[in-house]
Each structure stands twice: as C-alpha cells, then as structure tokens.
Amino acid sequence: MSAVDLAPQELRTLVAVADEGGFSAAAARLGTTQSAVSHAVRGIEGKVGVVLFERGRFGARPTVAGTRAVAHARRVLRMLQALVAETRGVGTGRVDGPLRIAAFRSAALYLLPPVLERLAARHPGIEATVTVVREVGPGTAGAVAEGRADLGIATFGTSAPIPPELVGDVLLEEPYALVHPAGHPAPRSLPLVDWTENCSSSTRAWWAAQDWIPAATVRAEDDGAVLSMVSSGLGMAIMPALSLTRAPFGTEITDLGPERPTRQVGYVTTPELATTAAVRALVRELRSTAKPQVGAG
C-alpha cells in the first residue's frame, strides 16, 4: 500500500467534526465553511480508502474506522505540540507546554493536588489541566487512548482492561474499608450504599464471599454522594482508601481485616508521550507520592 500523507489541518478537521458532531459546527470551530469541511473529509476518506463518518439528519458520526482515525489524529496533533515544546527546551533545562491529565474523582481530589503543587514548583512552565472522568467503561485509560488526555490515573485489574497500546505502571495499592454512621452498634447490619464506579472494581469475588454484605439498596452518583448518605445514617459502604481520605463528620471507618480487598491505582499514557519531558516529570512526582493510609475507627 502506498504511503498516505495527511496534513495537520486535515487531522484538525477530523477531530473537529468528531467533537462537534457535524460539518456546520466543525466549520464554525475551524473558521471555514461547511462545504470546505465536507470537501476536506471526502478528500481524507479518499486518501485512506475508508468511510470515516456516517452522514445523516443527526449530523456526522464517526464510523468504527473513523473513531480510530480520530484517536490517532488527536495523538498526532498532540505530538506536534510536544515537538515544539521539546525542541525549545533543548539545552535550557526548562520543561514547558500543556499537560492534560484524566483522573477519577477521588484521585483528582486527593492524589493529584500535592503532586501538581510539586510539579508546578519545579516546572512552572508546565500548564497542567485535570479532567475528571468516571472510571466506568473505557474510563481514564480510554481518554488517553482516544487522545483526549496525555496521562490517566487509572484503576488496574478491573472489568475494563487497560488498552494494550498504552504503557504505565501501578503507583499504589489501596485497601478497602467499611464506612458507617459513627457509633452504630451493628454497622454490618445496615443497608449497603454503593455507586456505579465501585461496581467495576476487582473486589467482586471478595464481595460475593461475604454473606453479611447485602445487595445495594441505595445507589448514588459518585463516592462523595455515598459518603453523604452514610453520614446521614442511610447505610454503610465499602470504599477504597482514596475515597475515604476526608470522610465527613458523623462517619466512622472500620478496617475489614487481613483479608480485606484492595485495588491498584496507577498511571497510563501512550508510548510516544511517555518519552516527553512533561509526562516524565509528572510520573516522577507521582512515583514519589506517599501511599494513602486509612486507619481503623
């Protein structure tokens, strides 16, 4: 197969159409006309030999091939940004440029702030942004694979495996603990409060073996809402250490014993971004982070 050359502007067009869901909105974003965007997409499809977008009254949706192409386009465009930042930094010792991080809620709230504080002190030229991504389905690793983030704080060993094209490592293994209304005489008898992200954890085999854990009778949107419900006396919950970093007043945390479940939390990135100075600097700070501890109540 002959080589296919796609210009950066063509890649930007693919991303704009995918993000905006149609040619008109993409044109407005790119500062051009709908016909120009439509013509550009047809030209790109002709070059790669595959239909990349389904057209219809709904607008334009990426096909399976289009989804893959858009992910590659985002990643290539990001590497072009990195090319400029890395080249300008040669010989200066400076690390500059954007750094996009995807993290699930508790990691964004409790793991990342001290890490980013140290990173900013050492490398003030890095412009870090954090997007909270629910750890359901593709999760944070999916955001990295799709080119929406440079690095993701992800949970390992869940029902949604890390995409094989990514690289990364485990940073910490956090224990689960029982959280319940403070002073309750029999917290294990309470209804279970749970949330969707917790359902994808690798602790389900342990959960199934515990005859004292009922089916969840209360469902919440996220771990913060779970803790609020527990503090209000609506039930108990089994939660990982990061989620319990600042458990609210009125709750008590009880260790689940030596057989307690744990989950692995780490980082993922793409092989090409793993070599960039900004990502390497962030990984160094992440590795130096102390493991969170949750004491027994």
Protein backbone atom coordinates (compact mmCIF):
# COMPACT_ATOMS: atom_id res chain seq x y z
CA MET A 1 0.00 0.00 0.00
CA SER A 2 1.34 3.41 -0.93
CA ALA A 3 2.04 5.99 1.76
CA VAL A 4 -0.77 8.38 2.69
CA ASP A 5 0.16 11.94 3.61
CA LEU A 6 -2.31 13.80 5.80
CA ALA A 7 -1.62 17.42 6.65
CA PRO A 8 -2.11 18.71 10.21
CA GLN A 9 -5.10 20.76 9.06
CA GLU A 10 -6.76 17.61 7.77
CA LEU A 11 -6.24 15.99 11.16
CA ARG A 12 -7.74 19.04 12.86
CA THR A 13 -10.75 18.74 10.56
CA LEU A 14 -11.31 15.11 11.56
CA VAL A 15 -11.15 16.00 15.24
CA ALA A 16 -13.45 18.99 14.85
CA VAL A 17 -16.13 17.01 13.02
CA ALA A 18 -15.99 14.24 15.62
CA ASP A 19 -16.08 16.66 18.55
CA GLU A 20 -18.82 18.88 17.15
CA GLY A 21 -20.97 16.13 15.67
CA GLY A 22 -21.43 17.74 12.26
CA PHE A 23 -19.85 19.65 9.41
CA SER A 24 -21.51 23.02 10.15
CA ALA A 25 -20.40 23.15 13.77
CA ALA A 26 -16.94 21.95 12.79
CA ALA A 27 -16.73 24.69 10.18
CA ALA A 28 -17.63 27.33 12.77
CA ARG A 29 -14.93 25.99 15.06
CA LEU A 30 -12.33 25.96 12.31
CA GLY A 31 -13.33 29.33 10.87
CA THR A 32 -14.26 27.99 7.46
CA THR A 33 -17.36 26.88 5.52
CA GLN A 34 -19.44 23.73 5.74
CA SER A 35 -18.68 22.89 2.11
CA ALA A 36 -14.95 23.23 2.77
CA VAL A 37 -15.17 20.83 5.71
CA SER A 38 -17.29 18.37 3.74
CA HIS A 39 -14.84 18.52 0.83
CA ALA A 40 -11.89 18.02 3.18
CA VAL A 41 -13.46 14.96 4.82
CA ARG A 42 -14.24 13.40 1.44
CA GLY A 43 -10.62 14.01 0.45
CA ILE A 44 -9.32 12.37 3.62
CA GLU A 45 -11.63 9.38 3.14
CA GLY A 46 -10.37 9.09 -0.42
CA LYS A 47 -6.77 9.06 0.80
CA VAL A 48 -7.27 6.39 3.45
CA GLY A 49 -9.80 4.41 1.44
CA VAL A 50 -12.34 4.11 4.27
CA VAL A 51 -15.57 5.90 5.17
CA LEU A 52 -14.84 7.78 8.40
CA PHE A 53 -18.19 9.43 9.13
CA GLU A 54 -21.82 8.43 8.82
CA ARG A 55 -23.84 11.35 7.45
CA GLY A 56 -27.48 11.93 8.19
CA ARG A 57 -30.06 14.24 9.69
CA PHE A 58 -28.29 13.71 13.00
CA GLY A 59 -25.13 15.30 11.58
CA ALA A 60 -21.95 13.28 11.29
CA ARG A 61 -20.90 10.39 13.50
CA PRO A 62 -17.56 8.58 13.27
CA THR A 63 -17.70 5.03 11.98
CA VAL A 64 -15.65 2.39 13.79
CA ALA A 65 -12.76 3.21 11.46
CA GLY A 66 -13.43 6.92 11.95
CA THR A 67 -13.25 6.60 15.73
CA ARG A 68 -9.85 5.01 15.38
CA ALA A 69 -8.71 7.61 12.88
CA VAL A 70 -9.82 10.49 15.12
CA ALA A 71 -7.96 8.99 18.09
CA HIS A 72 -4.79 8.79 16.01
CA ALA A 73 -5.37 12.34 14.75
CA ARG A 74 -5.63 13.69 18.29
CA ARG A 75 -2.47 11.88 19.31
CA VAL A 76 -0.51 13.05 16.26
CA LEU A 77 -1.59 16.66 16.80
CA ARG A 78 -0.56 16.39 20.44
CA MET A 79 2.88 15.14 19.41
CA LEU A 80 3.25 18.10 17.06
CA GLN A 81 2.69 20.35 20.09
CA ALA A 82 5.24 18.32 22.02
CA LEU A 83 7.72 18.67 19.16
CA VAL A 84 7.70 22.45 19.56
CA ALA A 85 7.90 22.40 23.36
CA GLU A 86 10.62 19.75 23.47
CA THR A 87 12.73 21.46 20.81
CA ARG A 88 12.54 24.85 22.52
CA GLY A 89 13.55 23.25 25.80
CA VAL A 90 16.75 21.65 24.49
CA GLY A 91 19.73 22.94 26.42
CA THR A 92 17.67 25.19 28.69
CA GLY A 93 16.60 22.70 31.34
CA ARG A 94 13.07 24.09 31.08
CA VAL A 95 10.00 21.92 30.68
CA ASP A 96 7.13 23.85 29.11
CA GLY A 97 3.80 23.25 27.45
CA PRO A 98 0.39 21.75 28.14
CA LEU A 99 -0.15 18.58 30.15
CA ARG A 100 -3.63 17.04 30.08
CA ILE A 101 -4.48 14.66 32.90
CA ALA A 102 -7.57 12.47 33.23
CA ALA A 103 -8.40 11.19 36.70
CA PHE A 104 -11.31 9.61 38.50
CA ARG A 105 -12.90 11.77 41.19
CA SER A 106 -11.07 10.69 44.33
CA ALA A 107 -7.70 10.72 42.57
CA ALA A 108 -8.38 14.24 41.29
CA LEU A 109 -9.38 15.40 44.76
CA TYR A 110 -6.77 13.72 46.95
CA LEU A 111 -3.92 12.18 44.95
CA LEU A 112 -3.17 14.85 42.38
CA PRO A 113 -3.16 18.20 44.27
CA PRO A 114 0.15 17.68 46.15
CA VAL A 115 1.66 16.11 43.05
CA LEU A 116 0.73 19.08 40.87
CA GLU A 117 1.90 21.51 43.53
CA ARG A 118 5.38 19.97 43.48
CA LEU A 119 5.32 19.77 39.69
CA ALA A 120 4.47 23.48 39.39
CA ALA A 121 7.25 24.40 41.82
CA ARG A 122 9.85 22.50 39.82
CA HIS A 123 8.47 23.22 36.34
CA PRO A 124 6.39 26.43 36.30
CA GLY A 125 6.25 26.29 32.50
CA ILE A 126 4.05 23.18 32.52
CA GLU A 127 0.37 24.05 32.07
CA ALA A 128 -1.41 21.14 33.73
CA THR A 129 -5.17 20.64 33.41
CA VAL A 130 -7.19 17.90 35.09
CA THR A 131 -10.41 16.41 33.73
CA VAL A 132 -12.49 14.18 35.98
CA VAL A 133 -13.50 11.05 34.08
CA ARG A 134 -15.75 8.38 35.56
CA GLU A 135 -13.94 5.07 35.91
CA VAL A 136 -16.71 3.24 34.07
CA GLY A 137 -16.34 1.61 30.65
CA PRO A 138 -13.25 3.00 28.89
CA GLY A 139 -12.62 5.35 31.84
CA THR A 140 -9.47 7.39 32.16
CA ALA A 141 -7.42 4.93 30.11
CA GLY A 142 -9.93 5.36 27.29
CA ALA A 143 -9.45 9.13 27.42
CA VAL A 144 -5.72 8.60 26.89
CA ALA A 145 -6.20 6.06 24.10
CA GLU A 146 -8.61 8.45 22.36
CA GLY A 147 -6.05 11.25 22.51
CA ARG A 148 -8.13 13.35 24.92
CA ALA A 149 -5.57 13.15 27.73
CA ASP A 150 -1.79 12.77 27.94
CA LEU A 151 -1.84 10.71 31.12
CA GLY A 152 -4.61 9.00 33.03
CA ILE A 153 -4.82 8.00 36.66
CA ALA A 154 -6.49 4.63 36.30
CA THR A 155 -7.54 1.58 38.28
CA PHE A 156 -5.88 -1.65 37.21
CA GLY A 157 -7.37 -5.14 37.17
CA THR A 158 -10.97 -4.08 36.66
CA SER A 159 -13.63 -5.40 34.31
CA ALA A 160 -12.42 -2.81 31.76
CA PRO A 161 -8.80 -3.74 30.96
CA ILE A 162 -6.18 -1.14 30.08
CA PRO A 163 -5.91 -0.82 26.26
CA PRO A 164 -2.86 -2.82 25.12
CA GLU A 165 -1.41 0.10 23.16
CA LEU A 166 -0.86 2.10 26.35
CA VAL A 167 2.02 1.94 28.81
CA GLY A 168 2.06 2.68 32.52
CA ASP A 169 2.64 1.30 35.98
CA VAL A 170 0.96 0.73 39.32
CA LEU A 171 1.57 3.55 41.81
CA LEU A 172 -0.18 2.25 44.91
CA GLU A 173 -2.44 -0.47 46.22
CA GLU A 174 -5.18 0.97 48.36
CA PRO A 175 -7.22 -1.07 50.83
CA TYR A 176 -10.97 -1.05 51.11
CA ALA A 177 -12.61 -0.30 54.44
CA LEU A 178 -16.09 -0.25 55.93
CA VAL A 179 -17.52 3.24 56.47
CA HIS A 180 -20.67 3.65 58.52
CA PRO A 181 -22.52 6.09 60.79
CA ALA A 182 -20.36 6.82 63.83
CA GLY A 183 -21.31 4.94 66.95
CA HIS A 184 -23.64 2.48 65.27
CA PRO A 185 -23.73 -0.74 67.36
CA ALA A 186 -24.01 -3.11 64.38
CA PRO A 187 -22.82 -1.37 61.19
CA ARG A 188 -22.72 -4.61 59.18
CA SER A 189 -26.47 -4.92 59.59
CA LEU A 190 -27.12 -1.64 57.76
CA PRO A 191 -28.26 -1.35 54.13
CA LEU A 192 -25.48 -1.10 51.57
CA VAL A 193 -24.90 2.20 49.76
CA ASP A 194 -22.96 1.86 46.52
CA TRP A 195 -22.12 3.74 43.31
CA THR A 196 -21.57 2.69 39.72
CA GLU A 197 -17.80 3.11 39.58
CA ASN A 198 -17.37 0.81 42.56
CA CYS A 199 -19.17 -1.94 40.68
CA SER A 200 -16.35 -2.29 38.16
CA SER A 201 -13.71 -2.90 40.83
CA SER A 202 -11.83 -6.18 41.08
CA THR A 203 -13.21 -6.75 44.58
CA ARG A 204 -16.37 -8.52 43.44
CA ALA A 205 -15.06 -12.04 44.19
CA TRP A 206 -14.36 -10.94 47.75
CA TRP A 207 -17.75 -9.29 47.99
CA ALA A 208 -19.50 -12.44 46.78
CA ALA A 209 -17.83 -14.49 49.53
CA GLN A 210 -19.11 -12.20 52.31
CA ASP A 211 -22.50 -13.39 53.50
CA TRP A 212 -23.01 -10.24 55.57
CA ILE A 213 -22.97 -7.86 52.59
CA PRO A 214 -26.48 -7.31 51.18
CA ALA A 215 -27.33 -6.22 47.70
CA ALA A 216 -27.11 -2.45 47.35
CA THR A 217 -30.39 -0.86 48.26
CA VAL A 218 -29.21 2.71 47.75
CA ARG A 219 -27.37 3.85 44.63
CA ALA A 220 -25.50 7.13 44.41
CA GLU A 221 -23.89 9.06 41.56
CA ASP A 222 -20.36 9.06 42.97
CA ASP A 223 -18.33 8.26 46.09
CA GLY A 224 -18.91 11.73 47.52
CA ALA A 225 -22.66 11.18 47.43
CA VAL A 226 -22.18 7.75 49.04
CA LEU A 227 -20.33 9.32 51.97
CA SER A 228 -23.01 11.97 52.35
CA MET A 229 -25.68 9.28 52.55
CA VAL A 230 -23.67 7.26 55.06
CA SER A 231 -23.11 10.32 57.25
CA SER A 232 -26.88 10.89 57.16
CA GLY A 233 -27.44 7.39 58.58
CA LEU A 234 -28.84 5.83 55.42
CA GLY A 235 -26.50 2.85 55.40
CA MET A 236 -22.93 1.57 55.25
CA ALA A 237 -20.48 1.41 52.35
CA ILE A 238 -17.30 -0.44 51.41
CA MET A 239 -14.93 2.05 49.88
CA PRO A 240 -11.28 2.41 48.80
CA ALA A 241 -8.77 4.49 50.75
CA LEU A 242 -8.67 7.47 48.38
CA SER A 243 -12.43 7.92 48.65
CA LEU A 244 -12.12 7.92 52.43
CA THR A 245 -9.33 10.49 52.63
CA ARG A 246 -11.64 13.10 54.13
CA ALA A 247 -14.61 11.14 55.35
CA PRO A 248 -17.29 13.56 56.62
CA PHE A 249 -18.19 14.20 60.22
CA GLY A 250 -20.61 11.61 61.53
CA THR A 251 -18.91 8.68 59.82
CA GLU A 252 -16.60 6.03 61.20
CA ILE A 253 -14.12 3.86 59.31
CA THR A 254 -13.59 0.23 60.32
CA ASP A 255 -10.82 -1.98 58.97
CA LEU A 256 -12.02 -5.10 57.16
CA GLY A 257 -9.20 -7.27 58.47
CA PRO A 258 -6.23 -9.02 56.86
CA GLU A 259 -8.31 -10.46 54.02
CA ARG A 260 -9.66 -7.05 53.05
CA PRO A 261 -9.83 -6.34 49.32
CA THR A 262 -7.55 -3.82 47.66
CA ARG A 263 -7.39 -2.07 44.33
CA GLN A 264 -4.41 -0.98 42.29
CA VAL A 265 -4.15 2.62 41.15
CA GLY A 266 -1.59 3.69 38.58
CA TYR A 267 -0.94 5.82 35.55
CA VAL A 268 -1.26 5.15 31.83
CA THR A 269 -0.01 7.09 28.85
CA THR A 270 0.89 6.47 25.23
CA PRO A 271 4.34 5.16 24.28
CA GLU A 272 5.12 8.35 22.38
CA LEU A 273 4.01 10.72 25.18
CA ALA A 274 5.87 8.64 27.76
CA THR A 275 9.11 9.97 26.27
CA THR A 276 8.16 13.65 26.59
CA ALA A 277 9.68 15.79 29.32
CA ALA A 278 6.35 16.94 30.76
CA VAL A 279 4.96 13.43 31.18
CA ARG A 280 8.25 12.15 32.57
CA ALA A 281 8.26 14.99 35.11
CA LEU A 282 4.71 14.17 36.18
CA VAL A 283 5.48 10.47 36.51
CA ARG A 284 8.45 11.26 38.76
CA GLU A 285 6.19 13.25 41.07
CA LEU A 286 3.53 10.54 41.05
CA ARG A 287 6.08 7.87 41.97
CA SER A 288 7.24 9.93 44.95
CA THR A 289 3.69 10.23 46.32
CA ALA A 290 3.15 8.52 49.65
CA LYS A 291 0.56 5.74 49.69
CA PRO A 292 -2.70 6.83 51.32
CA GLN A 293 -3.48 5.27 54.67
CA VAL A 294 -6.89 4.78 56.23
CA GLY A 295 -6.94 3.98 59.92
CA ALA A 296 -9.49 1.83 61.67
CA GLY A 297 -12.22 3.59 63.54
